[in-house]
C-alpha atoms as a PDB file:
ATOM      1  CA  MET A   1       0.153   0.100   0.035  1.00  0.00           C
ATOM      2  CA  THR A   2       1.232   3.334  -0.971  1.00  0.00           C
ATOM      3  CA  ARG A   3       0.797   6.416   1.393  1.00  0.00           C
ATOM      4  CA  THR A   4       0.415   9.690   0.275  1.00  0.00           C
ATOM      5  CA  TYR A   5       1.363  13.146   2.077  1.00  0.00           C
ATOM      6  CA  THR A   6      -2.116  13.461   3.257  1.00  0.00           C
ATOM      7  CA  ASP A   7      -2.359  10.136   5.131  1.00  0.00           C
ATOM      8  CA  ASP A   8       0.018  11.320   7.936  1.00  0.00           C
ATOM      9  CA  PRO A   9      -2.478  11.451  10.727  1.00  0.00           C
ATOM     10  CA  ASP A  10       0.120  13.918  12.870  1.00  0.00           C
ATOM     11  CA  HIS A  11       0.615  16.402  10.338  1.00  0.00           C
ATOM     12  CA  ASP A  12      -1.706  19.416  10.123  1.00  0.00           C
ATOM     13  CA  TYR A  13      -1.954  20.595   6.288  1.00  0.00           C
ATOM     14  CA  GLY A  14      -4.483  23.374   7.078  1.00  0.00           C
ATOM     15  CA  PRO A  15      -7.595  24.048   5.428  1.00  0.00           C
ATOM     16  CA  THR A  16      -8.326  22.402   2.039  1.00  0.00           C
ATOM     17  CA  ARG A  17      -8.398  24.459  -1.134  1.00  0.00           C
ATOM     18  CA  THR A  18     -11.970  24.059  -1.220  1.00  0.00           C
ATOM     19  CA  GLN A  19     -12.320  25.662   2.155  1.00  0.00           C
ATOM     20  CA  GLN A  20     -10.051  28.335   1.430  1.00  0.00           C
ATOM     21  CA  ARG A  21     -12.378  29.211  -1.225  1.00  0.00           C
ATOM     22  CA  ARG A  22     -15.304  28.966   0.477  1.00  0.00           C
ATOM     23  CA  ASP A  23     -14.069  31.473   2.952  1.00  0.00           C
ATOM     24  CA  ALA A  24     -12.808  33.795   0.676  1.00  0.00           C
ATOM     25  CA  LEU A  25     -16.462  34.114  -1.057  1.00  0.00           C
ATOM     26  CA  ALA A  26     -18.091  34.290   2.835  1.00  0.00           C
ATOM     27  CA  VAL A  27     -15.679  37.573   3.070  1.00  0.00           C
ATOM     28  CA  LEU A  28     -16.391  38.853  -0.369  1.00  0.00           C
ATOM     29  CA  ALA A  29     -20.243  38.597   0.538  1.00  0.00           C
ATOM     30  CA  PHE A  30     -19.651  40.281   3.849  1.00  0.00           C
ATOM     31  CA  ALA A  31     -17.651  43.063   1.882  1.00  0.00           C
ATOM     32  CA  ILE A  32     -20.501  43.546  -0.416  1.00  0.00           C
ATOM     33  CA  GLN A  33     -23.120  43.507   2.524  1.00  0.00           C
ATOM     34  CA  LEU A  34     -20.720  46.168   4.221  1.00  0.00           C
ATOM     35  CA  SER A  35     -20.718  48.428   1.072  1.00  0.00           C
ATOM     36  CA  GLU A  36     -24.286  48.653   0.674  1.00  0.00           C
ATOM     37  CA  LEU A  37     -24.838  50.039   4.352  1.00  0.00           C
ATOM     38  CA  PRO A  38     -25.493  53.484   5.008  1.00  0.00           C
ATOM     39  CA  ALA A  39     -22.498  55.716   6.071  1.00  0.00           C
ATOM     40  CA  SER A  40     -24.392  56.540   9.560  1.00  0.00           C
ATOM     41  CA  LYS A  41     -24.618  52.747  10.291  1.00  0.00           C
ATOM     42  CA  LEU A  42     -21.046  52.092   8.754  1.00  0.00           C
ATOM     43  CA  ALA A  43     -19.585  54.720  11.259  1.00  0.00           C
ATOM     44  CA  ARG A  44     -21.112  52.592  14.337  1.00  0.00           C
ATOM     45  CA  ALA A  45     -19.497  49.392  12.877  1.00  0.00           C
ATOM     46  CA  ASN A  46     -16.116  50.087  14.267  1.00  0.00           C
ATOM     47  CA  LEU A  47     -14.068  48.848  11.068  1.00  0.00           C
ATOM     48  CA  PRO A  48     -10.461  49.209  10.497  1.00  0.00           C
ATOM     49  CA  GLU A  49      -9.226  52.769   8.903  1.00  0.00           C
ATOM     50  CA  ASP A  50      -8.058  50.945   5.608  1.00  0.00           C
ATOM     51  CA  VAL A  51     -11.348  48.957   5.176  1.00  0.00           C
ATOM     52  CA  LEU A  52     -13.413  52.156   5.494  1.00  0.00           C
ATOM     53  CA  ARG A  53     -11.007  53.814   3.034  1.00  0.00           C
ATOM     54  CA  GLU A  54     -11.666  51.256   0.559  1.00  0.00           C
ATOM     55  CA  ILE A  55     -15.546  51.199   1.091  1.00  0.00           C
ATOM     56  CA  GLU A  56     -15.139  54.743   0.111  1.00  0.00           C
ATOM     57  CA  ASN A  57     -13.362  54.067  -2.894  1.00  0.00           C
ATOM     58  CA  LEU A  58     -15.893  51.310  -3.718  1.00  0.00           C
ATOM     59  CA  ARG A  59     -18.902  53.786  -3.362  1.00  0.00           C
ATOM     60  CA  ARG A  60     -17.296  56.297  -5.912  1.00  0.00           C
ATOM     61  CA  ILE A  61     -16.771  53.636  -8.809  1.00  0.00           C
ATOM     62  CA  THR A  62     -19.734  53.450 -10.999  1.00  0.00           C
ATOM     63  CA  SER A  63     -18.299  50.826 -13.895  1.00  0.00           C
ATOM     64  CA  ASN A  64     -19.439  47.250 -13.255  1.00  0.00           C
ATOM     65  CA  ILE A  65     -16.158  45.839 -13.993  1.00  0.00           C
ATOM     66  CA  ALA A  66     -14.082  48.423 -12.030  1.00  0.00           C
ATOM     67  CA  ARG A  67     -16.478  48.084  -8.848  1.00  0.00           C
ATOM     68  CA  LYS A  68     -16.006  44.230  -9.119  1.00  0.00           C
ATOM     69  CA  ARG A  69     -12.332  44.408  -9.029  1.00  0.00           C
ATOM     70  CA  GLN A  70     -12.731  46.808  -6.142  1.00  0.00           C
ATOM     71  CA  LEU A  71     -14.817  44.709  -4.040  1.00  0.00           C
ATOM     72  CA  GLY A  72     -12.182  41.879  -4.752  1.00  0.00           C
ATOM     73  CA  PHE A  73      -9.410  44.143  -3.248  1.00  0.00           C
ATOM     74  CA  LEU A  74     -11.776  45.337  -0.351  1.00  0.00           C
ATOM     75  CA  ALA A  75     -12.249  41.544   0.143  1.00  0.00           C
ATOM     76  CA  LYS A  76      -8.448  40.993   0.540  1.00  0.00           C
ATOM     77  CA  VAL A  77      -7.940  43.845   2.659  1.00  0.00           C
ATOM     78  CA  MET A  78     -10.429  42.525   4.993  1.00  0.00           C
ATOM     79  CA  ARG A  79      -8.778  38.849   4.946  1.00  0.00           C
ATOM     80  CA  ARG A  80      -5.621  40.745   6.337  1.00  0.00           C
ATOM     81  CA  HIS A  81      -7.620  41.634   9.673  1.00  0.00           C
ATOM     82  CA  GLU A  82      -8.577  39.301  12.267  1.00  0.00           C
ATOM     83  CA  ASP A  83     -12.336  38.127  12.652  1.00  0.00           C
ATOM     84  CA  GLU A  84     -12.434  40.326  16.138  1.00  0.00           C
ATOM     85  CA  ALA A  85     -12.078  43.360  13.880  1.00  0.00           C
ATOM     86  CA  PHE A  86     -15.444  42.822  12.363  1.00  0.00           C
ATOM     87  CA  GLU A  87     -17.649  41.817  15.307  1.00  0.00           C
ATOM     88  CA  GLY A  88     -19.443  45.005  15.508  1.00  0.00           C
ATOM     89  CA  ALA A  89     -20.284  44.973  11.592  1.00  0.00           C
ATOM     90  CA  ARG A  90     -21.434  41.615  12.047  1.00  0.00           C
ATOM     91  CA  ALA A  91     -23.889  42.259  15.263  1.00  0.00           C
ATOM     92  CA  LEU A  92     -25.021  45.601  12.922  1.00  0.00           C
ATOM     93  CA  LEU A  93     -25.826  43.283  10.184  1.00  0.00           C
ATOM     94  CA  GLY A  94     -27.484  40.659  12.074  1.00  0.00           C
ATOM     95  CA  GLU A  95     -29.696  42.993  14.033  1.00  0.00           C
ATOM     96  CA  ASN A  96     -30.581  44.776  10.375  1.00  0.00           C
ATOM     97  CA  ARG A  97     -31.516  41.200   9.066  1.00  0.00           C
ATOM     98  CA  ASP A  98     -33.905  40.531  11.902  1.00  0.00           C
ATOM     99  CA  GLN A  99     -35.327  44.252  12.060  1.00  0.00           C
ATOM    100  CA  GLN A 100     -35.849  43.848   8.122  1.00  0.00           C
ATOM    101  CA  ARG A 101     -37.235  40.566   8.534  1.00  0.00           C
ATOM    102  CA  LYS A 102     -40.029  41.732  11.120  1.00  0.00           C
ATOM    103  CA  GLU A 103     -40.759  44.705   9.085  1.00  0.00           C
ATOM    104  CA  THR A 104     -41.337  42.697   6.001  1.00  0.00           C
ATOM    105  CA  ALA A 105     -43.513  40.018   7.921  1.00  0.00           C
ATOM    106  CA  ALA A 106     -45.608  43.053   8.950  1.00  0.00           C
ATOM    107  CA  MET A 107     -45.955  44.552   5.732  1.00  0.00           C
ATOM    108  CA  HIS A 108     -47.032  41.350   4.184  1.00  0.00           C
ATOM    109  CA  ARG A 109     -49.825  40.775   6.950  1.00  0.00           C
ATOM    110  CA  LEU A 110     -51.254  44.427   6.054  1.00  0.00           C
ATOM    111  CA  GLU A 111     -51.143  43.606   2.650  1.00  0.00           C
ATOM    112  CA  ALA A 112     -52.921  40.092   3.241  1.00  0.00           C
ATOM    113  CA  MET A 113     -55.625  41.985   5.222  1.00  0.00           C
ATOM    114  CA  ARG A 114     -56.061  44.713   2.464  1.00  0.00           C
ATOM    115  CA  GLU A 115     -56.749  41.498   0.106  1.00  0.00           C
ATOM    116  CA  ARG A 116     -59.347  40.152   2.493  1.00  0.00           C
ATOM    117  CA  LEU A 117     -61.086  43.419   2.815  1.00  0.00           C
ATOM    118  CA  LEU A 118     -61.283  43.565  -0.958  1.00  0.00           C
ATOM    119  CA  GLU A 119     -62.557  39.814  -1.267  1.00  0.00           C
ATOM    120  CA  ASN A 120     -65.309  39.867   1.391  1.00  0.00           C
ATOM    121  CA  ASP A 121     -67.382  41.904   3.741  1.00  0.00           C
ATOM    122  CA  ASP A 122     -66.678  39.575   6.906  1.00  0.00           C
ATOM    123  CA  ALA A 123     -63.131  40.654   6.765  1.00  0.00           C
ATOM    124  CA  LEU A 124     -64.184  44.188   7.152  1.00  0.00           C
ATOM    125  CA  GLN A 125     -66.734  43.422  10.258  1.00  0.00           C
ATOM    126  CA  GLY A 126     -63.838  41.521  11.867  1.00  0.00           C
ATOM    127  CA  LEU A 127     -61.269  44.442  11.566  1.00  0.00           C
ATOM    128  CA  ILE A 128     -64.124  46.781  12.824  1.00  0.00           C
ATOM    129  CA  ASP A 129     -64.832  44.667  15.756  1.00  0.00           C
ATOM    130  CA  GLN A 130     -60.910  44.474  16.370  1.00  0.00           C
ATOM    131  CA  HIS A 131     -60.486  48.339  15.972  1.00  0.00           C
ATOM    132  CA  PRO A 132     -63.421  49.896  17.118  1.00  0.00           C
ATOM    133  CA  SER A 133     -62.149  53.404  16.699  1.00  0.00           C
ATOM    134  CA  ILE A 134     -61.595  52.730  12.865  1.00  0.00           C
ATOM    135  CA  ASP A 135     -63.644  55.274  10.569  1.00  0.00           C
ATOM    136  CA  ARG A 136     -66.119  52.671   9.279  1.00  0.00           C
ATOM    137  CA  GLN A 137     -67.624  55.105   6.668  1.00  0.00           C
ATOM    138  CA  HIS A 138     -63.986  56.263   5.141  1.00  0.00           C
ATOM    139  CA  LEU A 139     -62.736  52.638   4.939  1.00  0.00           C
ATOM    140  CA  ARG A 140     -66.044  51.351   3.527  1.00  0.00           C
ATOM    141  CA  SER A 141     -65.970  53.954   0.583  1.00  0.00           C
ATOM    142  CA  LEU A 142     -62.130  53.240   0.087  1.00  0.00           C
ATOM    143  CA  ILE A 143     -62.762  49.695  -0.506  1.00  0.00           C
ATOM    144  CA  ARG A 144     -65.252  50.318  -2.812  1.00  0.00           C
ATOM    145  CA  GLN A 145     -63.260  52.636  -4.858  1.00  0.00           C
ATOM    146  CA  ALA A 146     -60.453  49.971  -4.844  1.00  0.00           C
ATOM    147  CA  ARG A 147     -62.786  47.343  -6.188  1.00  0.00           C
ATOM    148  CA  THR A 148     -63.942  49.844  -8.946  1.00  0.00           C
ATOM    149  CA  GLU A 149     -60.351  50.915  -9.805  1.00  0.00           C
ATOM    150  CA  ARG A 150     -59.543  47.391 -10.100  1.00  0.00           C
ATOM    151  CA  ASP A 151     -62.543  46.454 -12.462  1.00  0.00           C
ATOM    152  CA  ALA A 152     -61.693  49.224 -14.687  1.00  0.00           C
ATOM    153  CA  ASN A 153     -58.067  48.939 -14.547  1.00  0.00           C
ATOM    154  CA  LYS A 154     -57.247  52.367 -13.310  1.00  0.00           C
ATOM    155  CA  PRO A 155     -54.570  53.609 -11.229  1.00  0.00           C
ATOM    156  CA  PRO A 156     -54.786  52.098  -7.546  1.00  0.00           C
ATOM    157  CA  ARG A 157     -55.001  55.383  -5.454  1.00  0.00           C
ATOM    158  CA  ALA A 158     -57.807  53.913  -2.833  1.00  0.00           C
ATOM    159  CA  TYR A 159     -55.983  50.451  -3.000  1.00  0.00           C
ATOM    160  CA  ARG A 160     -52.631  52.302  -1.772  1.00  0.00           C
ATOM    161  CA  GLU A 161     -54.984  54.356   0.795  1.00  0.00           C
ATOM    162  CA  ILE A 162     -56.178  51.387   2.481  1.00  0.00           C
ATOM    163  CA  PHE A 163     -52.700  49.923   3.020  1.00  0.00           C
ATOM    164  CA  GLN A 164     -51.854  53.600   4.658  1.00  0.00           C
ATOM    165  CA  LEU A 165     -54.972  53.356   6.937  1.00  0.00           C
ATOM    166  CA  LEU A 166     -54.199  49.629   8.018  1.00  0.00           C
ATOM    167  CA  LYS A 167     -50.593  50.999   8.601  1.00  0.00           C
ATOM    168  CA  GLU A 168     -51.814  53.638  11.054  1.00  0.00           C
ATOM    169  CA  LEU A 169     -53.758  51.291  13.152  1.00  0.00           C
ATOM    170  CA  PRO A 170     -52.431  50.696  16.680  1.00  0.00           C
ATOM    171  CA  GLU A 171     -51.577  46.936  17.391  1.00  0.00           C
ATOM    172  CA  SER A 172     -54.261  46.446  19.573  1.00  0.00           C
ATOM    173  CA  ASP A 173     -57.226  48.852  19.923  1.00  0.00           C
ATOM    174  CA  THR A 174     -58.692  48.543  23.761  1.00  0.00           C
ATOM    175  CA  GLN A 175     -61.638  51.125  23.443  1.00  0.00           C
END
């Protein structure tokens, strides 16, 4: 039996080339996320000075190819630093993702409620029961207008107004 150099259990060969590539791509994805952050949030991330400088350079570039090359360079600069240097930014991004997920879910619930209101009148009564202080007459009028707009293929002005009205409702009305 012939042994190869990787068969030695006592020798640490380090990460495989595939693992190195995965790590590099993860840093590149993280660099893209950092470059998309607004300047105010980027300032709170406590990033190293050279990384901030390269992010600013990246933001000035408009050409796609040059931007891609600059992103690669930013990732290279980021790989020079230890992971601890980016803990604040990772926490900030994780916090953003959770907040965005919650906001998106809330918006989807409102959109579903709007669709139910347009489809049947039972949903309207349920909403009135849940929020007794709602302006019923105005909401009924908006629903009628949204239905006629949809049927006549007109711009959905009332449809949008219903969404805004639902968005302004308190989470729980105790009256």
